[in-house]
Amino acid sequence: MNFQLDIIEDKVEFFEALDLKSLESQISKQIEINRSILLSVHSVSHQMHLDDNGRKFYSAVVHFKAKK
């Protein structure tokens, strides 16, 4: 039986929330989880959108890369 482990080098994750505090909390939790598999934040992109009723909606994309 062959057992092979592959190292994750890149990982992109998407987040969404109705307020910035929730969005930041989600991202912070995922940073800690990814740190345990030796990934660090490479870049973050975020946007805010207003719906038809004027409510704000926040989203973010976080690119994680392997620590070298």
PDB file of N, CA and C in Angstrom:
ATOM      1  N   MET A   1       0.842  -1.183   0.000  1.00  0.00           N
ATOM      2  CA  MET A   1       0.000   0.000   0.000  1.00  0.00           C
ATOM      3  C   MET A   1       0.883   1.241   0.000  1.00  0.00           C
ATOM      4  N   ASN A   2       0.677   2.104  -0.956  1.00  0.00           N
ATOM      5  CA  ASN A   2       1.439   3.351  -1.040  1.00  0.00           C
ATOM      6  C   ASN A   2       0.656   4.467  -0.393  1.00  0.00           C
ATOM      7  N   PHE A   3       1.366   5.249   0.385  1.00  0.00           N
ATOM      8  CA  PHE A   3       0.752   6.396   1.056  1.00  0.00           C
ATOM      9  C   PHE A   3       1.561   7.631   0.699  1.00  0.00           C
ATOM     10  N   GLN A   4       0.918   8.597   0.070  1.00  0.00           N
ATOM     11  CA  GLN A   4       1.634   9.778  -0.397  1.00  0.00           C
ATOM     12  C   GLN A   4       0.935  11.033   0.096  1.00  0.00           C
ATOM     13  N   LEU A   5       1.716  11.954   0.640  1.00  0.00           N
ATOM     14  CA  LEU A   5       1.192  13.237   1.091  1.00  0.00           C
ATOM     15  C   LEU A   5       1.613  14.329   0.122  1.00  0.00           C
ATOM     16  N   ASP A   6       0.662  15.150  -0.276  1.00  0.00           N
ATOM     17  CA  ASP A   6       0.959  16.300  -1.123  1.00  0.00           C
ATOM     18  C   ASP A   6       0.839  17.563  -0.290  1.00  0.00           C
ATOM     19  N   ILE A   7       1.757  18.469  -0.497  1.00  0.00           N
ATOM     20  CA  ILE A   7       1.744  19.732   0.229  1.00  0.00           C
ATOM     21  C   ILE A   7       0.868  20.727  -0.515  1.00  0.00           C
ATOM     22  N   ILE A   8      -0.031  21.370   0.219  1.00  0.00           N
ATOM     23  CA  ILE A   8      -0.858  22.419  -0.370  1.00  0.00           C
ATOM     24  C   ILE A   8       0.006  23.670  -0.474  1.00  0.00           C
ATOM     25  N   GLU A   9       0.163  24.188  -1.686  1.00  0.00           N
ATOM     26  CA  GLU A   9       0.998  25.368  -1.876  1.00  0.00           C
ATOM     27  C   GLU A   9       0.180  26.642  -2.017  1.00  0.00           C
ATOM     28  N   ASP A  10      -1.002  26.545  -2.595  1.00  0.00           N
ATOM     29  CA  ASP A  10      -1.882  27.692  -2.783  1.00  0.00           C
ATOM     30  C   ASP A  10      -3.301  27.299  -2.404  1.00  0.00           C
ATOM     31  N   LYS A  11      -3.995  28.243  -1.800  1.00  0.00           N
ATOM     32  CA  LYS A  11      -5.381  28.010  -1.419  1.00  0.00           C
ATOM     33  C   LYS A  11      -6.102  29.355  -1.456  1.00  0.00           C
ATOM     34  N   VAL A  12      -7.245  29.406  -2.112  1.00  0.00           N
ATOM     35  CA  VAL A  12      -8.038  30.626  -2.192  1.00  0.00           C
ATOM     36  C   VAL A  12      -9.367  30.354  -1.499  1.00  0.00           C
ATOM     37  N   GLU A  13      -9.753  31.251  -0.584  1.00  0.00           N
ATOM     38  CA  GLU A  13     -11.005  31.077   0.141  1.00  0.00           C
ATOM     39  C   GLU A  13     -11.847  32.337   0.027  1.00  0.00           C
ATOM     40  N   PHE A  14     -13.161  32.141   0.018  1.00  0.00           N
ATOM     41  CA  PHE A  14     -14.116  33.229  -0.135  1.00  0.00           C
ATOM     42  C   PHE A  14     -14.940  33.367   1.137  1.00  0.00           C
ATOM     43  N   PHE A  15     -15.209  34.599   1.527  1.00  0.00           N
ATOM     44  CA  PHE A  15     -15.961  34.880   2.747  1.00  0.00           C
ATOM     45  C   PHE A  15     -17.024  35.926   2.447  1.00  0.00           C
ATOM     46  N   GLU A  16     -18.142  35.865   3.191  1.00  0.00           N
ATOM     47  CA  GLU A  16     -19.180  36.877   3.055  1.00  0.00           C
ATOM     48  C   GLU A  16     -19.876  37.074   4.394  1.00  0.00           C
ATOM     49  N   ALA A  17     -20.340  38.307   4.630  1.00  0.00           N
ATOM     50  CA  ALA A  17     -21.005  38.632   5.892  1.00  0.00           C
ATOM     51  C   ALA A  17     -21.827  39.902   5.716  1.00  0.00           C
ATOM     52  N   LEU A  18     -22.705  40.134   6.677  1.00  0.00           N
ATOM     53  CA  LEU A  18     -23.543  41.326   6.646  1.00  0.00           C
ATOM     54  C   LEU A  18     -22.906  42.515   7.355  1.00  0.00           C
ATOM     55  N   ASP A  19     -21.807  42.269   8.095  1.00  0.00           N
ATOM     56  CA  ASP A  19     -21.083  43.377   8.729  1.00  0.00           C
ATOM     57  C   ASP A  19     -19.590  43.071   8.747  1.00  0.00           C
ATOM     58  N   LEU A  20     -18.791  44.125   8.875  1.00  0.00           N
ATOM     59  CA  LEU A  20     -17.332  43.973   8.829  1.00  0.00           C
ATOM     60  C   LEU A  20     -16.779  43.138   9.975  1.00  0.00           C
ATOM     61  N   LYS A  21     -17.374  43.281  11.157  1.00  0.00           N
ATOM     62  CA  LYS A  21     -16.879  42.548  12.320  1.00  0.00           C
ATOM     63  C   LYS A  21     -17.010  41.034  12.100  1.00  0.00           C
ATOM     64  N   SER A  22     -18.130  40.607  11.556  1.00  0.00           N
ATOM     65  CA  SER A  22     -18.327  39.176  11.267  1.00  0.00           C
ATOM     66  C   SER A  22     -17.365  38.695  10.196  1.00  0.00           C
ATOM     67  N   LEU A  23     -17.178  39.506   9.179  1.00  0.00           N
ATOM     68  CA  LEU A  23     -16.253  39.143   8.107  1.00  0.00           C
ATOM     69  C   LEU A  23     -14.833  38.998   8.647  1.00  0.00           C
ATOM     70  N   GLU A  24     -14.415  39.953   9.457  1.00  0.00           N
ATOM     71  CA  GLU A  24     -13.077  39.894  10.046  1.00  0.00           C
ATOM     72  C   GLU A  24     -12.927  38.669  10.940  1.00  0.00           C
ATOM     73  N   SER A  25     -13.959  38.336  11.685  1.00  0.00           N
ATOM     74  CA  SER A  25     -13.915  37.170  12.558  1.00  0.00           C
ATOM     75  C   SER A  25     -13.766  35.879  11.754  1.00  0.00           C
ATOM     76  N   GLN A  26     -14.529  35.755  10.680  1.00  0.00           N
ATOM     77  CA  GLN A  26     -14.432  34.563   9.824  1.00  0.00           C
ATOM     78  C   GLN A  26     -13.025  34.411   9.252  1.00  0.00           C
ATOM     79  N   ILE A  27     -12.478  35.512   8.774  1.00  0.00           N
ATOM     80  CA  ILE A  27     -11.143  35.472   8.166  1.00  0.00           C
ATOM     81  C   ILE A  27     -10.089  35.131   9.217  1.00  0.00           C
ATOM     82  N   SER A  28     -10.195  35.723  10.395  1.00  0.00           N
ATOM     83  CA  SER A  28      -9.220  35.450  11.465  1.00  0.00           C
ATOM     84  C   SER A  28      -9.227  33.985  11.873  1.00  0.00           C
ATOM     85  N   LYS A  29     -10.412  33.401  11.978  1.00  0.00           N
ATOM     86  CA  LYS A  29     -10.509  31.975  12.332  1.00  0.00           C
ATOM     87  C   LYS A  29      -9.841  31.114  11.273  1.00  0.00           C
ATOM     88  N   GLN A  30     -10.075  31.451  10.009  1.00  0.00           N
ATOM     89  CA  GLN A  30      -9.502  30.651   8.928  1.00  0.00           C
ATOM     90  C   GLN A  30      -7.991  30.837   8.828  1.00  0.00           C
ATOM     91  N   ILE A  31      -7.500  32.015   9.159  1.00  0.00           N
ATOM     92  CA  ILE A  31      -6.049  32.235   9.184  1.00  0.00           C
ATOM     93  C   ILE A  31      -5.400  31.305  10.193  1.00  0.00           C
ATOM     94  N   GLU A  32      -6.001  31.165  11.372  1.00  0.00           N
ATOM     95  CA  GLU A  32      -5.455  30.275  12.401  1.00  0.00           C
ATOM     96  C   GLU A  32      -5.476  28.815  11.945  1.00  0.00           C
ATOM     97  N   ILE A  33      -6.560  28.409  11.308  1.00  0.00           N
ATOM     98  CA  ILE A  33      -6.657  27.035  10.810  1.00  0.00           C
ATOM     99  C   ILE A  33      -5.594  26.778   9.748  1.00  0.00           C
ATOM    100  N   ASN A  34      -5.443  27.716   8.820  1.00  0.00           N
ATOM    101  CA  ASN A  34      -4.469  27.530   7.741  1.00  0.00           C
ATOM    102  C   ASN A  34      -3.033  27.645   8.228  1.00  0.00           C
ATOM    103  N   ARG A  35      -2.825  28.376   9.297  1.00  0.00           N
ATOM    104  CA  ARG A  35      -1.488  28.464   9.873  1.00  0.00           C
ATOM    105  C   ARG A  35      -1.020  27.087  10.341  1.00  0.00           C
ATOM    106  N   SER A  36      -1.955  26.277  10.823  1.00  0.00           N
ATOM    107  CA  SER A  36      -1.593  24.939  11.300  1.00  0.00           C
ATOM    108  C   SER A  36      -1.147  24.017  10.167  1.00  0.00           C
ATOM    109  N   ILE A  37      -1.535  24.331   8.917  1.00  0.00           N
ATOM    110  CA  ILE A  37      -1.054  23.546   7.778  1.00  0.00           C
ATOM    111  C   ILE A  37      -0.011  24.338   6.982  1.00  0.00           C
ATOM    112  N   LEU A  38       0.637  25.274   7.669  1.00  0.00           N
ATOM    113  CA  LEU A  38       1.777  26.030   7.155  1.00  0.00           C
ATOM    114  C   LEU A  38       1.450  26.922   5.959  1.00  0.00           C
ATOM    115  N   LEU A  39       0.254  27.496   5.966  1.00  0.00           N
ATOM    116  CA  LEU A  39      -0.117  28.466   4.942  1.00  0.00           C
ATOM    117  C   LEU A  39      -0.211  29.841   5.580  1.00  0.00           C
ATOM    118  N   SER A  40       0.246  30.844   4.869  1.00  0.00           N
ATOM    119  CA  SER A  40       0.137  32.220   5.362  1.00  0.00           C
ATOM    120  C   SER A  40      -0.599  33.068   4.322  1.00  0.00           C
ATOM    121  N   VAL A  41      -1.087  34.211   4.746  1.00  0.00           N
ATOM    122  CA  VAL A  41      -1.853  35.088   3.862  1.00  0.00           C
ATOM    123  C   VAL A  41      -0.913  35.725   2.848  1.00  0.00           C
ATOM    124  N   HIS A  42      -1.264  35.574   1.587  1.00  0.00           N
ATOM    125  CA  HIS A  42      -0.499  36.191   0.506  1.00  0.00           C
ATOM    126  C   HIS A  42      -1.156  37.502   0.075  1.00  0.00           C
ATOM    127  N   SER A  43      -2.488  37.478  -0.064  1.00  0.00           N
ATOM    128  CA  SER A  43      -3.201  38.697  -0.440  1.00  0.00           C
ATOM    129  C   SER A  43      -4.657  38.613   0.000  1.00  0.00           C
ATOM    130  N   VAL A  44      -5.267  39.784   0.137  1.00  0.00           N
ATOM    131  CA  VAL A  44      -6.678  39.890   0.509  1.00  0.00           C
ATOM    132  C   VAL A  44      -7.333  40.906  -0.413  1.00  0.00           C
ATOM    133  N   SER A  45      -8.496  40.556  -0.916  1.00  0.00           N
ATOM    134  CA  SER A  45      -9.288  41.469  -1.736  1.00  0.00           C
ATOM    135  C   SER A  45     -10.688  41.506  -1.134  1.00  0.00           C
ATOM    136  N   HIS A  46     -11.268  42.686  -1.034  1.00  0.00           N
ATOM    137  CA  HIS A  46     -12.593  42.767  -0.417  1.00  0.00           C
ATOM    138  C   HIS A  46     -13.470  43.765  -1.153  1.00  0.00           C
ATOM    139  N   GLN A  47     -14.772  43.595  -0.974  1.00  0.00           N
ATOM    140  CA  GLN A  47     -15.744  44.482  -1.604  1.00  0.00           C
ATOM    141  C   GLN A  47     -16.922  44.693  -0.675  1.00  0.00           C
ATOM    142  N   MET A  48     -17.622  45.830  -0.880  1.00  0.00           N
ATOM    143  CA  MET A  48     -18.855  46.116  -0.173  1.00  0.00           C
ATOM    144  C   MET A  48     -19.914  46.400  -1.226  1.00  0.00           C
ATOM    145  N   HIS A  49     -21.082  45.816  -1.029  1.00  0.00           N
ATOM    146  CA  HIS A  49     -22.168  45.973  -1.991  1.00  0.00           C
ATOM    147  C   HIS A  49     -23.416  46.425  -1.248  1.00  0.00           C
ATOM    148  N   LEU A  50     -24.181  47.305  -1.846  1.00  0.00           N
ATOM    149  CA  LEU A  50     -25.468  47.723  -1.306  1.00  0.00           C
ATOM    150  C   LEU A  50     -26.572  47.018  -2.081  1.00  0.00           C
ATOM    151  N   ASP A  51     -27.502  46.386  -1.356  1.00  0.00           N
ATOM    152  CA  ASP A  51     -28.620  45.758  -2.057  1.00  0.00           C
ATOM    153  C   ASP A  51     -29.701  46.797  -2.355  1.00  0.00           C
ATOM    154  N   ASP A  52     -30.807  46.354  -2.910  1.00  0.00           N
ATOM    155  CA  ASP A  52     -31.881  47.273  -3.305  1.00  0.00           C
ATOM    156  C   ASP A  52     -32.491  48.031  -2.131  1.00  0.00           C
ATOM    157  N   ASN A  53     -32.379  47.474  -0.929  1.00  0.00           N
ATOM    158  CA  ASN A  53     -32.935  48.117   0.269  1.00  0.00           C
ATOM    159  C   ASN A  53     -31.908  48.979   1.000  1.00  0.00           C
ATOM    160  N   GLY A  54     -30.703  49.093   0.454  1.00  0.00           N
ATOM    161  CA  GLY A  54     -29.666  49.911   1.070  1.00  0.00           C
ATOM    162  C   GLY A  54     -28.854  49.203   2.133  1.00  0.00           C
ATOM    163  N   ARG A  55     -29.069  47.899   2.301  1.00  0.00           N
ATOM    164  CA  ARG A  55     -28.283  47.142   3.286  1.00  0.00           C
ATOM    165  C   ARG A  55     -26.911  46.820   2.709  1.00  0.00           C
ATOM    166  N   LYS A  56     -25.918  46.867   3.570  1.00  0.00           N
ATOM    167  CA  LYS A  56     -24.548  46.579   3.139  1.00  0.00           C
ATOM    168  C   LYS A  56     -24.284  45.082   3.196  1.00  0.00           C
ATOM    169  N   PHE A  57     -23.504  44.609   2.242  1.00  0.00           N
ATOM    170  CA  PHE A  57     -23.096  43.214   2.161  1.00  0.00           C
ATOM    171  C   PHE A  57     -21.602  43.199   1.854  1.00  0.00           C
ATOM    172  N   TYR A  58     -20.827  42.512   2.688  1.00  0.00           N
ATOM    173  CA  TYR A  58     -19.370  42.499   2.563  1.00  0.00           C
ATOM    174  C   TYR A  58     -18.898  41.131   2.092  1.00  0.00           C
ATOM    175  N   SER A  59     -17.882  41.128   1.252  1.00  0.00           N
ATOM    176  CA  SER A  59     -17.268  39.879   0.808  1.00  0.00           C
ATOM    177  C   SER A  59     -15.758  40.074   0.716  1.00  0.00           C
ATOM    178  N   ALA A  60     -15.048  38.951   0.808  1.00  0.00           N
ATOM    179  CA  ALA A  60     -13.587  39.000   0.729  1.00  0.00           C
ATOM    180  C   ALA A  60     -13.066  37.707   0.116  1.00  0.00           C
ATOM    181  N   VAL A  61     -11.933  37.835  -0.555  1.00  0.00           N
ATOM    182  CA  VAL A  61     -11.202  36.693  -1.095  1.00  0.00           C
ATOM    183  C   VAL A  61      -9.824  36.743  -0.481  1.00  0.00           C
ATOM    184  N   VAL A  62      -9.410  35.639   0.133  1.00  0.00           N
ATOM    185  CA  VAL A  62      -8.089  35.560   0.770  1.00  0.00           C
ATOM    186  C   VAL A  62      -7.288  34.468   0.072  1.00  0.00           C
ATOM    187  N   HIS A  63      -6.086  34.857  -0.402  1.00  0.00           N
ATOM    188  CA  HIS A  63      -5.185  33.922  -1.057  1.00  0.00           C
ATOM    189  C   HIS A  63      -4.123  33.522  -0.045  1.00  0.00           C
ATOM    190  N   PHE A  64      -4.065  32.226   0.255  1.00  0.00           N
ATOM    191  CA  PHE A  64      -3.063  31.687   1.167  1.00  0.00           C
ATOM    192  C   PHE A  64      -1.985  31.002   0.355  1.00  0.00           C
ATOM    193  N   LYS A  65      -0.722  31.135   0.805  1.00  0.00           N
ATOM    194  CA  LYS A  65       0.404  30.469   0.150  1.00  0.00           C
ATOM    195  C   LYS A  65       1.240  29.745   1.197  1.00  0.00           C
ATOM    196  N   ALA A  66       1.932  28.724   0.748  1.00  0.00           N
ATOM    197  CA  ALA A  66       2.794  27.956   1.643  1.00  0.00           C
ATOM    198  C   ALA A  66       3.966  28.805   2.100  1.00  0.00           C
ATOM    199  N   LYS A  67       4.314  28.659   3.370  1.00  0.00           N
ATOM    200  CA  LYS A  67       5.485  29.354   3.903  1.00  0.00           C
ATOM    201  C   LYS A  67       6.726  28.676   3.365  1.00  0.00           C
ATOM    202  N   LYS A  68       7.678  29.487   2.945  1.00  0.00           N
ATOM    203  CA  LYS A  68       8.928  28.919   2.411  1.00  0.00           C
ATOM    204  C   LYS A  68      10.099  29.338   3.244  1.00  0.00           C
TER     205      LYS A  68
END
